[in-house]
Amino acid sequence: MSAPTRATVRIAAMTPDHAAEVLAIYQTGIDEGNATFETSAPDWAGFDAAKLPEHRFVALDETDAVLGWAAVVRVSDRCAYSGVVEHSVYVAARARGRGVGAALLDALIASTEAGGIWTIQSGIFPENTASLALHQRCGFRVVGTRQKVGRHHGVWRDVVLVERRSPVIL
C-alpha cells in the first residue's frame, strides 16, 4: 500500500470509535522518546476526560484508518487564560512526511479560532526537529526554550515553547 498524500487524507472529529488507533499512535510517539514526558498512553476514559471535545480531530485514509490525531487541553481555569490552549499532534509512522500533521493543525486552528481561542501553544523537545519544522510551517513561533524543565527517563530535558496567536481573535 502506498503512503497517503494530502489529497487522500480526510480530517474528521475524533470519536470513541477512533480510541484504539489514537491511543496506539500516541503510545508509538511515547515509545520513540522525543514526543512527550509521558511514559504511557492513558486509557480512553482518561484521554477523553482531559481533551476539549470540540477541538479534537483525526486524519483518516481512504479506508478510515487513523493516520494521526490532534487535540487540546486548557492551560488554566483562570478567566484571563480562557482563550489559551495547549495542543498535541501525533502522526502514525507510516504517514509521516505526507502533510497529515499540517492538515490536522489546519483543522485545529480553524476550530479553535471559531471557538474564540486566541492562542495555541505546545512544548516540544528540541530533538523533535520534524515537529518544530511542522509548527513553523503552520504559523507557530518559538517563544523560547525552557531549560531542564522536567525529567524524562531520569534525564533532564529542555522544551521549546511554541505558540500561534490568532490574527482573527484580537
N, C-alpha and C. Protein backbone atom coordinates (compact mmCIF):
# COMPACT_ATOMS: atom_id res chain seq x y z
N MET A 1 0.84 -1.18 0.00
CA MET A 1 0.00 0.00 0.00
C MET A 1 0.89 1.24 0.00
N SER A 2 0.59 2.20 -0.86
CA SER A 2 1.39 3.41 -0.92
C SER A 2 1.05 4.32 0.26
N ALA A 3 1.99 5.19 0.58
CA ALA A 3 1.77 6.12 1.68
C ALA A 3 0.73 7.15 1.27
N PRO A 4 -0.08 7.62 2.22
CA PRO A 4 -1.12 8.59 1.89
C PRO A 4 -0.51 9.93 1.50
N THR A 5 -1.22 10.66 0.67
CA THR A 5 -0.85 12.03 0.34
C THR A 5 -1.92 12.93 0.91
N ARG A 6 -1.67 14.24 0.89
CA ARG A 6 -2.63 15.17 1.45
C ARG A 6 -3.99 15.00 0.79
N ALA A 7 -4.01 14.67 -0.50
CA ALA A 7 -5.27 14.52 -1.23
C ALA A 7 -6.09 13.33 -0.74
N THR A 8 -5.44 12.33 -0.16
CA THR A 8 -6.16 11.14 0.28
C THR A 8 -6.45 11.16 1.78
N VAL A 9 -6.14 12.25 2.44
CA VAL A 9 -6.37 12.37 3.88
C VAL A 9 -7.66 13.15 4.12
N ARG A 10 -8.50 12.59 4.98
CA ARG A 10 -9.74 13.25 5.37
C ARG A 10 -9.67 13.55 6.86
N ILE A 11 -9.98 14.79 7.22
CA ILE A 11 -9.98 15.19 8.63
C ILE A 11 -11.42 15.06 9.16
N ALA A 12 -11.54 14.44 10.33
CA ALA A 12 -12.85 14.22 10.94
C ALA A 12 -12.76 14.47 12.44
N ALA A 13 -13.90 14.69 13.05
CA ALA A 13 -13.96 14.81 14.50
C ALA A 13 -13.57 13.48 15.13
N MET A 14 -12.77 13.53 16.18
CA MET A 14 -12.37 12.33 16.89
C MET A 14 -13.56 11.81 17.70
N THR A 15 -13.82 10.51 17.61
CA THR A 15 -14.90 9.88 18.36
C THR A 15 -14.35 8.67 19.12
N PRO A 16 -15.14 8.12 20.03
CA PRO A 16 -14.70 6.90 20.72
C PRO A 16 -14.38 5.75 19.76
N ASP A 17 -14.96 5.75 18.57
CA ASP A 17 -14.64 4.71 17.59
C ASP A 17 -13.18 4.74 17.18
N HIS A 18 -12.52 5.88 17.35
CA HIS A 18 -11.12 6.03 16.96
C HIS A 18 -10.16 5.72 18.11
N ALA A 19 -10.69 5.44 19.29
CA ALA A 19 -9.89 5.34 20.51
C ALA A 19 -8.69 4.42 20.39
N ALA A 20 -8.88 3.21 19.95
CA ALA A 20 -7.77 2.25 19.92
C ALA A 20 -6.64 2.73 19.01
N GLU A 21 -6.98 3.25 17.84
CA GLU A 21 -5.94 3.71 16.92
C GLU A 21 -5.26 4.99 17.42
N VAL A 22 -6.05 5.91 17.98
CA VAL A 22 -5.48 7.14 18.54
C VAL A 22 -4.49 6.81 19.64
N LEU A 23 -4.89 5.95 20.56
CA LEU A 23 -4.01 5.61 21.68
C LEU A 23 -2.79 4.82 21.23
N ALA A 24 -2.92 4.01 20.20
CA ALA A 24 -1.77 3.27 19.66
C ALA A 24 -0.76 4.24 19.03
N ILE A 25 -1.24 5.22 18.29
CA ILE A 25 -0.35 6.23 17.69
C ILE A 25 0.33 7.03 18.79
N TYR A 26 -0.42 7.38 19.82
CA TYR A 26 0.13 8.10 20.96
C TYR A 26 1.23 7.27 21.62
N GLN A 27 0.97 6.00 21.85
CA GLN A 27 1.96 5.14 22.51
C GLN A 27 3.22 5.00 21.66
N THR A 28 3.07 4.91 20.35
CA THR A 28 4.24 4.85 19.46
C THR A 28 5.08 6.11 19.63
N GLY A 29 4.43 7.28 19.64
CA GLY A 29 5.16 8.52 19.86
C GLY A 29 5.87 8.54 21.19
N ILE A 30 5.21 8.06 22.22
CA ILE A 30 5.82 7.96 23.54
C ILE A 30 7.04 7.05 23.50
N ASP A 31 6.89 5.89 22.87
CA ASP A 31 7.97 4.91 22.81
C ASP A 31 9.18 5.41 22.04
N GLU A 32 8.97 6.29 21.08
CA GLU A 32 10.08 6.82 20.29
C GLU A 32 10.95 7.79 21.10
N GLY A 33 10.42 8.33 22.19
CA GLY A 33 11.24 9.05 23.16
C GLY A 33 11.38 10.55 23.02
N ASN A 34 10.89 11.16 21.95
CA ASN A 34 11.05 12.60 21.79
C ASN A 34 9.75 13.34 21.56
N ALA A 35 8.64 12.77 22.03
CA ALA A 35 7.34 13.40 21.80
C ALA A 35 6.73 13.99 23.06
N THR A 36 6.99 13.41 24.21
CA THR A 36 6.29 13.83 25.43
C THR A 36 7.04 13.32 26.66
N PHE A 37 6.76 13.94 27.79
CA PHE A 37 7.28 13.45 29.06
C PHE A 37 6.51 12.21 29.53
N GLU A 38 5.33 11.98 28.98
CA GLU A 38 4.54 10.81 29.38
C GLU A 38 5.32 9.53 29.10
N THR A 39 5.05 8.51 29.88
CA THR A 39 5.73 7.22 29.67
C THR A 39 4.78 6.14 29.18
N SER A 40 3.47 6.42 29.25
CA SER A 40 2.49 5.50 28.68
C SER A 40 1.21 6.28 28.38
N ALA A 41 0.54 5.83 27.34
CA ALA A 41 -0.73 6.46 26.96
C ALA A 41 -1.78 6.13 28.02
N PRO A 42 -2.68 7.06 28.28
CA PRO A 42 -3.75 6.78 29.24
C PRO A 42 -4.78 5.84 28.61
N ASP A 43 -5.72 5.38 29.41
CA ASP A 43 -6.84 4.66 28.81
C ASP A 43 -7.76 5.70 28.16
N TRP A 44 -8.75 5.23 27.39
CA TRP A 44 -9.60 6.16 26.68
C TRP A 44 -10.36 7.09 27.62
N ALA A 45 -10.82 6.60 28.75
CA ALA A 45 -11.57 7.44 29.69
C ALA A 45 -10.71 8.62 30.15
N GLY A 46 -9.47 8.37 30.46
CA GLY A 46 -8.57 9.44 30.88
C GLY A 46 -8.27 10.43 29.76
N PHE A 47 -8.01 9.89 28.58
CA PHE A 47 -7.75 10.73 27.40
C PHE A 47 -8.97 11.60 27.12
N ASP A 48 -10.12 10.97 27.06
CA ASP A 48 -11.38 11.65 26.73
C ASP A 48 -11.69 12.75 27.74
N ALA A 49 -11.47 12.51 29.01
CA ALA A 49 -11.77 13.49 30.04
C ALA A 49 -10.84 14.69 29.98
N ALA A 50 -9.62 14.51 29.52
CA ALA A 50 -8.63 15.58 29.52
C ALA A 50 -8.74 16.52 28.32
N LYS A 51 -9.20 16.03 27.18
CA LYS A 51 -9.19 16.81 25.94
C LYS A 51 -10.52 17.52 25.73
N LEU A 52 -10.45 18.76 25.24
CA LEU A 52 -11.68 19.50 24.95
C LEU A 52 -12.38 18.84 23.77
N PRO A 53 -13.63 18.44 23.92
CA PRO A 53 -14.31 17.65 22.89
C PRO A 53 -14.51 18.37 21.56
N GLU A 54 -14.65 19.69 21.59
CA GLU A 54 -14.92 20.40 20.34
C GLU A 54 -13.67 20.68 19.51
N HIS A 55 -12.50 20.32 20.02
CA HIS A 55 -11.25 20.61 19.31
C HIS A 55 -10.34 19.38 19.27
N ARG A 56 -10.88 18.28 18.77
CA ARG A 56 -10.04 17.08 18.59
C ARG A 56 -10.40 16.43 17.28
N PHE A 57 -9.36 16.07 16.56
CA PHE A 57 -9.53 15.61 15.19
C PHE A 57 -8.66 14.40 14.90
N VAL A 58 -9.09 13.63 13.92
CA VAL A 58 -8.28 12.54 13.39
C VAL A 58 -8.12 12.76 11.89
N ALA A 59 -7.01 12.28 11.38
CA ALA A 59 -6.78 12.21 9.94
C ALA A 59 -7.03 10.77 9.54
N LEU A 60 -7.86 10.57 8.53
CA LEU A 60 -8.24 9.23 8.09
C LEU A 60 -7.80 8.99 6.66
N ASP A 61 -7.41 7.76 6.37
CA ASP A 61 -7.11 7.42 4.98
C ASP A 61 -8.39 6.96 4.28
N GLU A 62 -8.25 6.47 3.07
CA GLU A 62 -9.44 6.09 2.28
C GLU A 62 -10.19 4.90 2.86
N THR A 63 -9.57 4.15 3.78
CA THR A 63 -10.25 3.03 4.43
C THR A 63 -10.75 3.40 5.83
N ASP A 64 -10.63 4.68 6.18
CA ASP A 64 -10.98 5.21 7.50
C ASP A 64 -10.05 4.76 8.62
N ALA A 65 -8.83 4.32 8.25
CA ALA A 65 -7.81 4.05 9.26
C ALA A 65 -7.25 5.38 9.75
N VAL A 66 -6.97 5.48 11.03
CA VAL A 66 -6.46 6.71 11.61
C VAL A 66 -4.97 6.85 11.29
N LEU A 67 -4.62 8.00 10.70
CA LEU A 67 -3.23 8.31 10.34
C LEU A 67 -2.58 9.25 11.34
N GLY A 68 -3.40 9.94 12.12
CA GLY A 68 -2.88 10.88 13.09
C GLY A 68 -4.02 11.55 13.83
N TRP A 69 -3.67 12.32 14.83
CA TRP A 69 -4.69 13.00 15.63
C TRP A 69 -4.13 14.30 16.20
N ALA A 70 -5.05 15.21 16.55
CA ALA A 70 -4.70 16.46 17.23
C ALA A 70 -5.80 16.75 18.24
N ALA A 71 -5.40 17.32 19.37
CA ALA A 71 -6.37 17.66 20.42
C ALA A 71 -5.77 18.74 21.30
N VAL A 72 -6.63 19.37 22.11
CA VAL A 72 -6.18 20.44 23.00
C VAL A 72 -6.69 20.22 24.42
N VAL A 73 -5.97 20.85 25.35
CA VAL A 73 -6.38 20.95 26.76
C VAL A 73 -6.29 22.41 27.16
N ARG A 74 -7.09 22.80 28.13
CA ARG A 74 -6.98 24.17 28.67
C ARG A 74 -5.67 24.30 29.43
N VAL A 75 -5.05 25.48 29.38
CA VAL A 75 -3.83 25.68 30.15
C VAL A 75 -4.12 26.14 31.57
N SER A 76 -5.32 26.69 31.78
CA SER A 76 -5.66 27.20 33.10
C SER A 76 -7.18 27.38 33.20
N ASP A 77 -7.68 27.32 34.42
CA ASP A 77 -9.09 27.61 34.67
C ASP A 77 -9.32 29.11 34.90
N ARG A 78 -8.24 29.88 34.98
CA ARG A 78 -8.36 31.32 35.21
C ARG A 78 -8.99 31.99 33.99
N CYS A 79 -9.87 32.93 34.23
CA CYS A 79 -10.60 33.63 33.19
C CYS A 79 -9.67 34.30 32.17
N ALA A 80 -8.57 34.86 32.63
CA ALA A 80 -7.64 35.55 31.73
C ALA A 80 -7.07 34.63 30.67
N TYR A 81 -7.03 33.33 30.96
CA TYR A 81 -6.46 32.36 30.03
C TYR A 81 -7.54 31.53 29.31
N SER A 82 -8.76 32.01 29.30
CA SER A 82 -9.85 31.24 28.71
C SER A 82 -9.67 30.98 27.22
N GLY A 83 -8.87 31.78 26.56
CA GLY A 83 -8.64 31.60 25.12
C GLY A 83 -7.28 31.03 24.80
N VAL A 84 -6.68 30.34 25.76
CA VAL A 84 -5.35 29.74 25.56
C VAL A 84 -5.44 28.24 25.81
N VAL A 85 -4.97 27.47 24.83
CA VAL A 85 -4.96 26.02 24.96
C VAL A 85 -3.57 25.48 24.62
N GLU A 86 -3.31 24.29 25.12
CA GLU A 86 -2.09 23.55 24.75
C GLU A 86 -2.52 22.38 23.88
N HIS A 87 -1.81 22.19 22.80
CA HIS A 87 -2.22 21.13 21.87
C HIS A 87 -1.17 20.03 21.77
N SER A 88 -1.65 18.91 21.25
CA SER A 88 -0.81 17.78 20.86
C SER A 88 -1.19 17.40 19.46
N VAL A 89 -0.20 16.98 18.68
CA VAL A 89 -0.45 16.44 17.35
C VAL A 89 0.50 15.26 17.16
N TYR A 90 -0.06 14.13 16.76
CA TYR A 90 0.70 12.91 16.56
C TYR A 90 0.34 12.30 15.22
N VAL A 91 1.35 11.83 14.50
CA VAL A 91 1.14 11.21 13.18
C VAL A 91 1.73 9.82 13.21
N ALA A 92 0.97 8.85 12.70
CA ALA A 92 1.46 7.47 12.62
C ALA A 92 2.74 7.43 11.79
N ALA A 93 3.67 6.56 12.16
CA ALA A 93 4.95 6.48 11.46
C ALA A 93 4.76 6.27 9.96
N ARG A 94 3.78 5.47 9.57
CA ARG A 94 3.57 5.16 8.16
C ARG A 94 3.05 6.35 7.35
N ALA A 95 2.61 7.42 8.04
CA ALA A 95 2.00 8.56 7.35
C ALA A 95 2.84 9.84 7.45
N ARG A 96 3.99 9.76 8.06
CA ARG A 96 4.80 10.97 8.26
C ARG A 96 5.37 11.48 6.95
N GLY A 97 5.52 12.80 6.87
CA GLY A 97 6.09 13.43 5.69
C GLY A 97 5.12 13.57 4.54
N ARG A 98 3.83 13.38 4.79
CA ARG A 98 2.82 13.40 3.73
C ARG A 98 1.77 14.49 3.93
N GLY A 99 2.00 15.42 4.85
CA GLY A 99 1.05 16.50 5.06
C GLY A 99 -0.03 16.23 6.07
N VAL A 100 0.03 15.08 6.73
CA VAL A 100 -1.01 14.72 7.71
C VAL A 100 -0.98 15.68 8.90
N GLY A 101 0.21 15.96 9.43
CA GLY A 101 0.32 16.87 10.56
C GLY A 101 -0.18 18.26 10.22
N ALA A 102 0.17 18.76 9.04
CA ALA A 102 -0.28 20.09 8.62
C ALA A 102 -1.80 20.12 8.45
N ALA A 103 -2.36 19.08 7.89
CA ALA A 103 -3.83 19.03 7.73
C ALA A 103 -4.51 19.02 9.09
N LEU A 104 -3.96 18.29 10.04
CA LEU A 104 -4.53 18.28 11.39
C LEU A 104 -4.41 19.64 12.06
N LEU A 105 -3.24 20.27 11.94
CA LEU A 105 -3.08 21.59 12.55
C LEU A 105 -3.97 22.63 11.89
N ASP A 106 -4.14 22.55 10.57
CA ASP A 106 -5.06 23.47 9.88
C ASP A 106 -6.47 23.34 10.45
N ALA A 107 -6.93 22.11 10.63
CA ALA A 107 -8.27 21.88 11.18
C ALA A 107 -8.36 22.40 12.61
N LEU A 108 -7.33 22.15 13.38
CA LEU A 108 -7.30 22.59 14.78
C LEU A 108 -7.32 24.12 14.87
N ILE A 109 -6.54 24.78 14.04
CA ILE A 109 -6.51 26.24 14.02
C ILE A 109 -7.89 26.80 13.67
N ALA A 110 -8.51 26.26 12.63
CA ALA A 110 -9.85 26.73 12.23
C ALA A 110 -10.85 26.51 13.36
N SER A 111 -10.80 25.38 14.00
CA SER A 111 -11.73 25.05 15.07
C SER A 111 -11.55 25.95 16.28
N THR A 112 -10.30 26.14 16.69
CA THR A 112 -10.06 26.96 17.87
C THR A 112 -10.41 28.42 17.62
N GLU A 113 -10.09 28.92 16.43
CA GLU A 113 -10.47 30.31 16.12
C GLU A 113 -11.99 30.47 16.11
N ALA A 114 -12.69 29.51 15.53
CA ALA A 114 -14.16 29.57 15.54
C ALA A 114 -14.70 29.52 16.96
N GLY A 115 -13.96 28.89 17.87
CA GLY A 115 -14.38 28.78 19.27
C GLY A 115 -13.88 29.91 20.14
N GLY A 116 -13.28 30.94 19.56
CA GLY A 116 -12.83 32.08 20.33
C GLY A 116 -11.50 31.91 21.03
N ILE A 117 -10.73 30.91 20.66
CA ILE A 117 -9.42 30.68 21.27
C ILE A 117 -8.39 31.50 20.51
N TRP A 118 -7.60 32.28 21.26
CA TRP A 118 -6.65 33.18 20.61
C TRP A 118 -5.21 32.68 20.62
N THR A 119 -4.88 31.73 21.46
CA THR A 119 -3.51 31.23 21.48
C THR A 119 -3.51 29.71 21.61
N ILE A 120 -2.75 29.07 20.72
CA ILE A 120 -2.48 27.64 20.80
C ILE A 120 -0.99 27.52 21.11
N GLN A 121 -0.66 26.75 22.12
CA GLN A 121 0.75 26.58 22.48
C GLN A 121 1.08 25.12 22.67
N SER A 122 2.38 24.85 22.68
CA SER A 122 2.85 23.50 22.95
C SER A 122 4.32 23.54 23.35
N GLY A 123 4.74 22.54 24.07
CA GLY A 123 6.16 22.35 24.40
C GLY A 123 6.69 21.18 23.60
N ILE A 124 7.78 21.39 22.89
CA ILE A 124 8.34 20.37 22.00
C ILE A 124 9.80 20.14 22.38
N PHE A 125 10.19 18.88 22.51
CA PHE A 125 11.60 18.60 22.76
C PHE A 125 12.44 19.12 21.58
N PRO A 126 13.57 19.77 21.83
CA PRO A 126 14.38 20.33 20.74
C PRO A 126 14.86 19.27 19.75
N GLU A 127 14.96 18.04 20.20
CA GLU A 127 15.39 16.95 19.32
C GLU A 127 14.32 16.57 18.30
N ASN A 128 13.09 16.99 18.53
CA ASN A 128 11.99 16.66 17.63
C ASN A 128 11.93 17.72 16.52
N THR A 129 12.93 17.69 15.67
CA THR A 129 13.08 18.72 14.64
C THR A 129 11.94 18.67 13.61
N ALA A 130 11.39 17.51 13.35
CA ALA A 130 10.27 17.41 12.40
C ALA A 130 9.06 18.17 12.94
N SER A 131 8.77 18.02 14.23
CA SER A 131 7.64 18.72 14.83
C SER A 131 7.89 20.23 14.85
N LEU A 132 9.09 20.64 15.18
CA LEU A 132 9.40 22.07 15.18
C LEU A 132 9.22 22.67 13.79
N ALA A 133 9.69 21.97 12.77
CA ALA A 133 9.54 22.45 11.39
C ALA A 133 8.07 22.51 10.98
N LEU A 134 7.30 21.49 11.33
CA LEU A 134 5.87 21.47 11.03
C LEU A 134 5.19 22.69 11.66
N HIS A 135 5.45 22.94 12.91
CA HIS A 135 4.81 24.05 13.59
C HIS A 135 5.20 25.39 12.98
N GLN A 136 6.45 25.53 12.59
CA GLN A 136 6.87 26.77 11.93
C GLN A 136 6.11 26.96 10.62
N ARG A 137 5.98 25.89 9.83
CA ARG A 137 5.25 25.97 8.56
C ARG A 137 3.78 26.33 8.78
N CYS A 138 3.23 25.97 9.93
CA CYS A 138 1.81 26.22 10.21
C CYS A 138 1.58 27.52 10.98
N GLY A 139 2.59 28.37 11.07
CA GLY A 139 2.41 29.69 11.64
C GLY A 139 2.70 29.83 13.12
N PHE A 140 3.30 28.82 13.73
CA PHE A 140 3.70 28.91 15.13
C PHE A 140 5.07 29.58 15.21
N ARG A 141 5.32 30.27 16.32
CA ARG A 141 6.62 30.88 16.54
C ARG A 141 7.24 30.30 17.80
N VAL A 142 8.54 30.30 17.84
CA VAL A 142 9.25 29.85 19.04
C VAL A 142 9.25 31.01 20.03
N VAL A 143 8.73 30.75 21.22
CA VAL A 143 8.72 31.74 22.28
C VAL A 143 10.05 31.69 23.04
N GLY A 144 10.55 30.49 23.26
CA GLY A 144 11.81 30.32 23.97
C GLY A 144 12.01 28.87 24.36
N THR A 145 13.09 28.61 25.03
CA THR A 145 13.41 27.26 25.49
C THR A 145 13.37 27.24 27.01
N ARG A 146 12.59 26.32 27.52
CA ARG A 146 12.55 26.09 28.97
C ARG A 146 13.60 25.02 29.26
N GLN A 147 14.68 25.43 29.91
CA GLN A 147 15.79 24.53 30.13
C GLN A 147 15.55 23.59 31.30
N LYS A 148 15.84 22.33 31.05
CA LYS A 148 15.74 21.30 32.09
C LYS A 148 14.44 21.43 32.87
N VAL A 149 13.33 21.53 32.13
CA VAL A 149 12.03 21.76 32.75
C VAL A 149 11.46 20.50 33.41
N GLY A 150 11.90 19.33 32.97
CA GLY A 150 11.40 18.09 33.56
C GLY A 150 12.34 16.93 33.29
N ARG A 151 12.16 15.88 34.08
CA ARG A 151 12.98 14.67 33.91
C ARG A 151 12.20 13.66 33.08
N HIS A 152 12.90 13.04 32.16
CA HIS A 152 12.32 12.05 31.27
C HIS A 152 13.25 10.85 31.27
N HIS A 153 12.78 9.75 31.84
CA HIS A 153 13.61 8.55 32.00
C HIS A 153 14.92 8.88 32.70
N GLY A 154 14.82 9.73 33.74
CA GLY A 154 15.97 10.07 34.56
C GLY A 154 16.88 11.15 34.00
N VAL A 155 16.54 11.72 32.86
CA VAL A 155 17.38 12.75 32.22
C VAL A 155 16.60 14.06 32.18
N TRP A 156 17.25 15.14 32.59
CA TRP A 156 16.63 16.46 32.49
C TRP A 156 16.51 16.83 31.03
N ARG A 157 15.30 17.29 30.63
CA ARG A 157 15.04 17.64 29.22
C ARG A 157 14.60 19.09 29.09
N ASP A 158 15.06 19.71 28.01
CA ASP A 158 14.60 21.04 27.63
C ASP A 158 13.32 20.90 26.81
N VAL A 159 12.55 21.97 26.77
CA VAL A 159 11.34 22.03 25.96
C VAL A 159 11.31 23.38 25.25
N VAL A 160 11.10 23.34 23.94
CA VAL A 160 10.93 24.56 23.16
C VAL A 160 9.44 24.92 23.20
N LEU A 161 9.13 26.10 23.71
CA LEU A 161 7.75 26.55 23.79
C LEU A 161 7.40 27.25 22.48
N VAL A 162 6.37 26.74 21.80
CA VAL A 162 5.88 27.35 20.56
C VAL A 162 4.45 27.81 20.78
N GLU A 163 4.07 28.85 20.04
CA GLU A 163 2.70 29.32 20.13
C GLU A 163 2.26 29.90 18.78
N ARG A 164 0.95 29.88 18.61
CA ARG A 164 0.34 30.55 17.47
C ARG A 164 -0.73 31.47 18.01
N ARG A 165 -0.55 32.75 17.75
CA ARG A 165 -1.52 33.77 18.17
C ARG A 165 -2.43 34.03 16.99
N SER A 166 -3.72 33.89 17.18
CA SER A 166 -4.68 34.08 16.12
C SER A 166 -4.70 35.52 15.62
N PRO A 167 -4.61 35.72 14.31
CA PRO A 167 -4.78 37.08 13.79
C PRO A 167 -6.26 37.47 13.69
N VAL A 168 -7.14 36.51 13.90
CA VAL A 168 -8.59 36.74 13.80
C VAL A 168 -9.17 37.20 15.14
N ILE A 169 -8.71 36.60 16.23
CA ILE A 169 -9.22 36.93 17.56
C ILE A 169 -8.29 38.00 18.14
N LEU A 170 -8.75 39.21 18.21
CA LEU A 170 -7.88 40.30 18.66
C LEU A 170 -8.19 40.69 20.05
